[in-house]
Amino acid sequence: MPRIPRVQYENAVYHIIARGDRREPIVHDDGDRSLFVETFAEACGRTGWQVFAWVLMDNHYHAVLRTPEPNLVAGMQWFQNAFTRRLNSRRHLWGHLFGGRYRAIPVEDAATSPRGSVVWRDYLRTVIDYIHLNPGRAGLVDGAAISSLDYPWSSLARGYALAPSKRPAWLDAAKGLELLGCPDTVAGRRRFIERLDTIIREEDGDPAPEGVPLSKQFERGWFWGSEAFRERLGKRIESLGNRRSRNYRSRSEGPEKDHGLRRAERIVIEGSRHYRLDESALKMDRRGDWRRSSVAWAVSKETSVPCAWIAERLNLKSAANASQQIRRFAQVPERKLPKEVRAWKRSRNIA
């Protein structure tokens, strides 16, 4: 049976599932887990993704996220490749980490439902709950002596339980709280966690609406939503097939590339303004001047554009030289940077 093509469009919501090769672990200790969270946060910054929930287990992870621009494929390619390389370097390993193709299940939400429809809320709520309940269903928490909040590697402990000012910018916990009927207050957040703990205590395994466990529905299904949503997705897939057959554009020219390029251009312009330089002056090679490297660093951290693009745009000779300058800049202690460069680095708000 042929694979269903990835359906990418503005404001699409996906339930992402990826497992380790042969279902083996993708993380082994808290250092690996921290590396996963850091890399995922970087991917969200590069792509503009808005995450509603995520959880990291030993041999797989789940996330439900919105792509304001159609860049799921480019973002996932960067994220999983970057995490694999970094983990292999940390553990002196090599080869594949993830097994097969990651699942990206389109989820019905307000942006893809008819005006005035509220049916999408049930689907998105179900996925958010399903993700947060993973540690309970794996027996890692019991909802009583060990609360779901005690599992530290999910958006529950790292976002939903925190005040808005302490959450990462890419995590839209406020939307999840609203969908589940909990205000974004101390009491509301406590109620959200207590509700999950109650479900864990009372639930017997994987819930099975319509006789099929949710885990099986997510593993086998290619969408999560109403029949009307399925029909709309079918039309998108049909349109995608027509464009491919007519060779309207190559894969490398797809809209998923646009977000990074537009964002990278904006960062270069912002850098010129910050340093009060025109672009030609910003590109000049001045010994001991960190301004150009600082802009290259920001582009590399906030977008997925290749170093070859950065090198050409900022006159850094080659991709290898751009990569080297970015790495050197990142390693310089902040106190040794000029005041205006320190201000630029702090203004980027990069995790």
Protein backbone atom coordinates (compact mmCIF):
# COMPACT_ATOMS: atom_id res chain seq x y z
CA MET A 1 0.00 0.00 0.00
CA PRO A 2 1.54 3.40 -0.98
CA ARG A 3 2.28 5.90 1.73
CA ILE A 4 -0.17 8.72 2.24
CA PRO A 5 1.69 11.92 1.30
CA ARG A 6 2.44 14.53 3.93
CA VAL A 7 -0.31 17.13 3.86
CA GLN A 8 1.16 20.56 4.57
CA TYR A 9 -0.82 23.77 4.78
CA GLU A 10 -0.97 26.95 6.82
CA ASN A 11 -2.10 26.50 10.44
CA ALA A 12 -2.21 22.72 10.16
CA VAL A 13 -2.25 20.80 13.47
CA TYR A 14 -0.48 17.44 13.72
CA HIS A 15 -0.08 14.68 16.28
CA ILE A 16 3.57 13.64 15.87
CA ILE A 17 4.70 10.17 16.96
CA ALA A 18 8.25 8.87 16.51
CA ARG A 19 9.83 5.72 17.95
CA GLY A 20 13.36 4.47 18.35
CA ASP A 21 14.83 2.06 15.81
CA ARG A 22 13.52 -1.43 16.68
CA ARG A 23 11.66 0.35 19.52
CA GLU A 24 14.98 0.78 21.31
CA PRO A 25 15.59 3.79 23.61
CA ILE A 26 16.09 7.22 22.09
CA VAL A 27 17.26 8.60 25.48
CA HIS A 28 19.21 6.90 28.26
CA ASP A 29 19.60 9.46 31.03
CA ASP A 30 18.55 12.97 32.03
CA GLY A 31 21.40 14.46 30.02
CA ASP A 32 19.95 12.88 26.88
CA ARG A 33 16.48 14.07 27.83
CA SER A 34 17.67 17.63 28.35
CA LEU A 35 19.37 17.48 24.96
CA PHE A 36 16.08 16.36 23.38
CA VAL A 37 14.16 19.27 24.94
CA GLU A 38 16.83 21.79 23.92
CA THR A 39 16.86 20.53 20.34
CA PHE A 40 13.07 20.47 20.14
CA ALA A 41 12.92 24.05 21.46
CA GLU A 42 15.47 25.07 18.83
CA ALA A 43 13.39 23.41 16.10
CA CYS A 44 10.30 25.34 17.23
CA GLY A 45 12.26 28.58 17.17
CA ARG A 46 13.54 27.87 13.66
CA THR A 47 10.12 26.97 12.25
CA GLY A 48 7.64 29.07 14.24
CA TRP A 49 5.79 25.95 15.45
CA GLN A 50 3.26 26.38 18.26
CA VAL A 51 3.16 23.33 20.53
CA PHE A 52 0.06 22.37 22.52
CA ALA A 53 1.54 19.33 24.29
CA TRP A 54 4.55 17.02 24.21
CA VAL A 55 5.95 14.08 26.15
CA LEU A 56 9.26 12.25 25.98
CA MET A 57 9.34 8.57 26.92
CA ASP A 58 12.39 6.31 26.84
CA ASN A 59 11.81 4.87 23.36
CA HIS A 60 9.43 7.35 21.72
CA TYR A 61 7.94 10.81 21.90
CA HIS A 62 4.62 12.50 21.14
CA ALA A 63 3.82 16.11 20.29
CA VAL A 64 0.78 17.96 19.05
CA LEU A 65 1.68 21.19 17.29
CA ARG A 66 0.49 23.82 14.85
CA THR A 67 2.53 24.90 11.82
CA PRO A 68 1.59 28.54 11.05
CA GLU A 69 3.35 27.99 7.74
CA PRO A 70 3.50 24.72 5.76
CA ASN A 71 6.94 23.64 6.98
CA LEU A 72 6.36 20.36 8.86
CA VAL A 73 8.63 18.25 6.64
CA ALA A 74 11.57 20.68 6.68
CA GLY A 75 11.25 21.22 10.43
CA MET A 76 11.00 17.52 11.31
CA GLN A 77 13.91 16.68 9.05
CA TRP A 78 16.08 19.25 10.83
CA PHE A 79 14.90 18.27 14.32
CA GLN A 80 15.32 14.51 14.09
CA ASN A 81 18.60 14.74 12.19
CA ALA A 82 20.01 17.31 14.62
CA PHE A 83 19.00 15.32 17.69
CA THR A 84 20.42 12.10 16.22
CA ARG A 85 23.76 13.77 15.44
CA ARG A 86 23.98 15.41 18.86
CA LEU A 87 23.03 12.27 20.75
CA ASN A 88 25.46 10.14 18.74
CA SER A 89 28.21 12.67 19.46
CA ARG A 90 27.38 12.71 23.16
CA ARG A 91 27.37 8.92 23.44
CA HIS A 92 30.06 8.16 20.84
CA LEU A 93 27.57 6.24 18.69
CA TRP A 94 26.70 6.27 15.00
CA GLY A 95 23.81 5.33 12.74
CA HIS A 96 20.04 5.70 12.86
CA LEU A 97 18.20 6.59 16.04
CA PHE A 98 14.58 6.66 14.91
CA GLY A 99 12.87 3.68 13.33
CA GLY A 100 11.08 4.24 10.04
CA ARG A 101 8.92 7.20 9.18
CA TYR A 102 7.58 9.45 11.92
CA ARG A 103 3.79 9.66 12.11
CA ALA A 104 2.24 13.07 11.46
CA ILE A 105 -1.53 12.74 11.92
CA PRO A 106 -3.53 15.82 10.92
CA VAL A 107 -5.86 16.90 13.74
CA GLU A 108 -9.05 18.86 13.20
CA ASP A 109 -9.05 22.27 14.85
CA ALA A 110 -10.72 25.65 14.56
CA ALA A 111 -8.68 26.72 11.53
CA THR A 112 -9.84 23.70 9.53
CA SER A 113 -13.45 23.45 10.73
CA PRO A 114 -16.49 25.26 9.32
CA ARG A 115 -17.16 28.63 10.92
CA GLY A 116 -19.05 28.23 14.16
CA SER A 117 -18.26 24.51 14.49
CA VAL A 118 -17.08 23.30 17.90
CA VAL A 119 -16.59 19.60 17.06
CA TRP A 120 -12.85 20.18 16.58
CA ARG A 121 -12.46 20.88 20.29
CA ASP A 122 -13.15 17.23 21.16
CA TYR A 123 -10.41 15.98 18.84
CA LEU A 124 -7.72 18.39 19.97
CA ARG A 125 -8.64 17.89 23.64
CA THR A 126 -8.36 14.13 23.23
CA VAL A 127 -4.85 14.36 21.79
CA ILE A 128 -3.62 16.76 24.49
CA ASP A 129 -4.95 14.44 27.20
CA TYR A 130 -3.58 11.35 25.49
CA ILE A 131 -0.09 12.85 25.38
CA HIS A 132 -0.08 13.98 29.02
CA LEU A 133 -1.42 10.61 30.19
CA ASN A 134 1.41 8.61 28.59
CA PRO A 135 3.51 8.36 31.79
CA GLY A 136 0.46 7.11 33.69
CA ARG A 137 -0.35 4.47 31.09
CA ALA A 138 3.29 3.38 31.16
CA GLY A 139 3.10 2.90 34.94
CA LEU A 140 5.58 5.69 35.74
CA VAL A 141 3.03 7.65 37.78
CA ASP A 142 -0.12 6.46 39.56
CA GLY A 143 -2.03 9.71 40.07
CA ALA A 144 -1.92 9.23 43.84
CA ALA A 145 1.44 8.78 45.57
CA ILE A 146 3.12 9.90 42.35
CA SER A 147 1.31 12.69 40.54
CA SER A 148 1.42 13.18 36.78
CA LEU A 149 3.20 16.44 37.62
CA ASP A 150 6.11 14.42 39.06
CA TYR A 151 7.09 13.23 35.59
CA PRO A 152 9.45 16.00 34.46
CA TRP A 153 9.73 15.28 30.72
CA SER A 154 6.50 16.60 29.33
CA SER A 155 4.72 19.88 28.69
CA LEU A 156 2.76 19.31 31.90
CA ALA A 157 5.67 19.90 34.29
CA ARG A 158 7.49 22.22 31.89
CA GLY A 159 4.60 24.48 30.94
CA TYR A 160 1.05 23.75 32.08
CA ALA A 161 2.00 23.83 35.76
CA LEU A 162 3.94 27.09 35.39
CA ALA A 163 2.90 30.71 35.28
CA PRO A 164 2.75 32.14 31.73
CA SER A 165 5.94 34.18 32.22
CA LYS A 166 7.92 31.02 32.99
CA ARG A 167 6.82 28.99 29.96
CA PRO A 168 8.79 28.69 26.74
CA ALA A 169 7.43 30.99 24.06
CA TRP A 170 6.75 28.09 21.68
CA LEU A 171 4.43 26.23 24.11
CA ASP A 172 0.78 27.31 23.91
CA ALA A 173 -0.33 25.86 27.25
CA ALA A 174 -2.95 28.58 27.59
CA LYS A 175 -4.86 27.10 24.65
CA GLY A 176 -4.75 23.62 26.16
CA LEU A 177 -6.01 24.89 29.50
CA GLU A 178 -8.83 26.74 27.76
CA LEU A 179 -9.85 23.65 25.75
CA LEU A 180 -10.08 21.59 28.94
CA GLY A 181 -12.11 24.25 30.72
CA CYS A 182 -9.41 25.39 33.15
CA PRO A 183 -8.51 29.08 33.55
CA ASP A 184 -4.83 29.99 33.36
CA THR A 185 -4.59 30.71 37.09
CA VAL A 186 -2.94 28.92 40.00
CA ALA A 187 -6.27 27.26 40.86
CA GLY A 188 -7.04 26.47 37.22
CA ARG A 189 -3.65 24.89 36.60
CA ARG A 190 -4.00 22.84 39.80
CA ARG A 191 -7.41 21.66 38.64
CA PHE A 192 -5.96 20.65 35.27
CA ILE A 193 -3.34 18.44 36.98
CA GLU A 194 -5.81 16.99 39.49
CA ARG A 195 -8.11 16.05 36.62
CA LEU A 196 -5.31 14.11 34.91
CA ASP A 197 -4.41 12.36 38.17
CA THR A 198 -8.05 11.33 38.61
CA ILE A 199 -8.12 9.86 35.11
CA ILE A 200 -4.93 7.89 35.82
CA ARG A 201 -6.36 6.50 39.07
CA GLU A 202 -9.68 5.52 37.56
CA GLU A 203 -8.56 4.42 34.13
CA ASP A 204 -7.90 0.76 33.38
CA GLY A 205 -5.29 0.78 30.63
CA ASP A 206 -5.72 2.46 27.28
CA PRO A 207 -9.28 3.84 26.81
CA ALA A 208 -11.15 2.30 23.90
CA PRO A 209 -13.85 4.54 22.45
CA GLU A 210 -15.82 2.63 19.83
CA GLY A 211 -14.08 -0.55 20.97
CA VAL A 212 -10.64 0.39 19.60
CA PRO A 213 -7.91 1.61 22.01
CA LEU A 214 -6.79 5.18 21.35
CA SER A 215 -3.18 4.06 20.86
CA LYS A 216 -4.31 1.79 18.01
CA GLN A 217 -6.45 4.53 16.49
CA PHE A 218 -3.47 6.87 16.44
CA GLU A 219 -1.10 4.19 15.12
CA ARG A 220 -3.40 3.08 12.31
CA GLY A 221 -5.38 6.21 11.50
CA TRP A 222 -4.16 8.82 9.03
CA PHE A 223 -6.23 11.68 10.44
CA TRP A 224 -8.03 12.60 13.69
CA GLY A 225 -11.26 14.44 13.14
CA SER A 226 -14.74 14.35 11.66
CA GLU A 227 -15.80 12.91 8.31
CA ALA A 228 -16.06 16.45 6.95
CA PHE A 229 -12.42 16.99 7.96
CA ARG A 230 -11.44 13.75 6.21
CA GLU A 231 -13.10 14.97 3.02
CA ARG A 232 -11.24 18.27 3.17
CA LEU A 233 -7.95 16.46 3.68
CA GLY A 234 -8.75 14.17 0.76
CA LYS A 235 -9.17 17.18 -1.50
CA ARG A 236 -5.82 18.55 -0.33
CA ILE A 237 -4.13 15.22 -1.07
CA GLU A 238 -5.76 15.07 -4.50
CA SER A 239 -4.59 18.61 -5.23
CA LEU A 240 -1.09 17.70 -4.03
CA GLY A 241 -1.01 14.73 -6.40
CA ASN A 242 -2.09 16.89 -9.32
CA ARG A 243 0.64 19.44 -8.65
CA ARG A 244 3.27 16.72 -8.48
CA SER A 245 2.12 15.06 -11.67
CA ARG A 246 2.29 18.38 -13.53
CA ASN A 247 5.73 19.18 -12.09
CA TYR A 248 4.61 22.59 -10.84
CA ARG A 249 7.55 22.72 -8.45
CA SER A 250 10.34 20.58 -7.11
CA ARG A 251 10.47 19.46 -3.49
CA SER A 252 13.24 21.92 -2.71
CA GLU A 253 11.06 24.81 -3.92
CA GLY A 254 8.11 24.02 -1.69
CA PRO A 255 6.59 26.55 0.71
CA GLU A 256 8.15 24.77 3.69
CA LYS A 257 11.44 26.46 2.72
CA ASP A 258 9.94 29.96 2.71
CA HIS A 259 9.59 30.43 6.47
CA GLY A 260 13.31 30.00 7.15
CA LEU A 261 14.41 32.24 4.29
CA ARG A 262 12.02 35.04 5.19
CA ARG A 263 12.96 34.79 8.85
CA ALA A 264 16.69 34.76 8.03
CA GLU A 265 16.33 37.88 5.89
CA ARG A 266 14.50 39.65 8.72
CA ILE A 267 17.28 38.76 11.18
CA VAL A 268 19.95 40.23 8.88
CA ILE A 269 17.92 43.43 8.55
CA GLU A 270 17.35 43.55 12.33
CA GLY A 271 21.10 43.07 12.87
CA SER A 272 21.92 45.96 10.53
CA ARG A 273 19.49 48.20 12.40
CA HIS A 274 20.75 47.13 15.81
CA TYR A 275 24.35 47.91 14.92
CA ARG A 276 23.38 51.04 12.89
CA LEU A 277 25.15 49.69 9.83
CA ASP A 278 24.11 49.34 6.25
CA GLU A 279 24.34 45.80 4.88
CA SER A 280 27.61 46.38 3.02
CA ALA A 281 29.26 47.55 6.26
CA LEU A 282 27.85 44.57 8.17
CA LYS A 283 29.45 42.21 5.66
CA MET A 284 32.94 43.71 5.97
CA ASP A 285 35.65 41.49 7.45
CA ARG A 286 37.03 43.33 10.46
CA ARG A 287 39.43 41.47 12.74
CA GLY A 288 38.08 41.18 16.28
CA ASP A 289 34.60 42.48 15.29
CA TRP A 290 31.89 40.10 16.51
CA ARG A 291 28.96 41.91 14.90
CA ARG A 292 28.79 39.91 11.69
CA SER A 293 29.34 36.62 13.53
CA SER A 294 26.62 37.50 16.01
CA VAL A 295 24.10 37.99 13.20
CA ALA A 296 25.19 34.71 11.58
CA TRP A 297 24.77 33.00 14.97
CA ALA A 298 21.23 34.36 15.36
CA VAL A 299 20.28 33.19 11.85
CA SER A 300 21.64 29.70 12.56
CA LYS A 301 19.79 29.42 15.89
CA GLU A 302 16.45 30.84 14.77
CA THR A 303 16.08 29.34 11.30
CA SER A 304 16.85 26.16 9.40
CA VAL A 305 18.65 27.82 6.49
CA PRO A 306 21.96 26.12 5.61
CA CYS A 307 25.36 27.58 6.43
CA ALA A 308 25.95 28.02 2.70
CA TRP A 309 23.13 30.59 2.63
CA ILE A 310 24.52 32.37 5.69
CA ALA A 311 28.00 32.45 4.16
CA GLU A 312 26.75 33.96 0.92
CA ARG A 313 24.41 36.45 2.59
CA LEU A 314 27.00 37.74 5.09
CA ASN A 315 30.14 37.39 2.97
CA LEU A 316 31.68 34.65 5.14
CA LYS A 317 33.61 32.99 2.29
CA SER A 318 32.28 29.44 2.69
CA ALA A 319 29.78 27.29 4.58
CA ALA A 320 32.63 25.80 6.62
CA ASN A 321 33.87 29.25 7.59
CA ALA A 322 30.35 30.37 8.52
CA SER A 323 29.91 27.29 10.70
CA GLN A 324 33.26 27.91 12.38
CA GLN A 325 32.50 31.56 13.11
CA ILE A 326 29.07 30.69 14.51
CA ARG A 327 30.59 28.05 16.77
CA ARG A 328 33.33 30.41 17.98
CA PHE A 329 30.83 33.15 18.74
CA ALA A 330 28.65 30.77 20.75
CA GLN A 331 31.68 29.80 22.88
CA VAL A 332 32.79 33.34 23.75
CA PRO A 333 31.87 34.27 27.35
CA GLU A 334 29.33 37.06 27.31
CA ARG A 335 31.47 39.32 29.51
CA LYS A 336 34.15 39.40 26.79
CA LEU A 337 31.80 40.68 24.11
CA PRO A 338 31.37 44.40 23.34
CA LYS A 339 28.35 46.01 24.97
CA GLU A 340 26.34 46.32 21.75
CA VAL A 341 26.99 42.66 20.89
CA ARG A 342 25.91 41.54 24.36
CA ALA A 343 22.71 43.55 23.92
CA TRP A 344 22.06 41.86 20.56
CA LYS A 345 22.63 38.40 21.99
CA ARG A 346 20.27 39.03 24.91
CA SER A 347 17.62 40.51 22.62
CA ARG A 348 17.34 37.30 20.59
CA ASN A 349 15.77 35.43 23.54
CA ILE A 350 17.13 32.09 22.29
CA ALA A 351 16.70 29.12 24.61
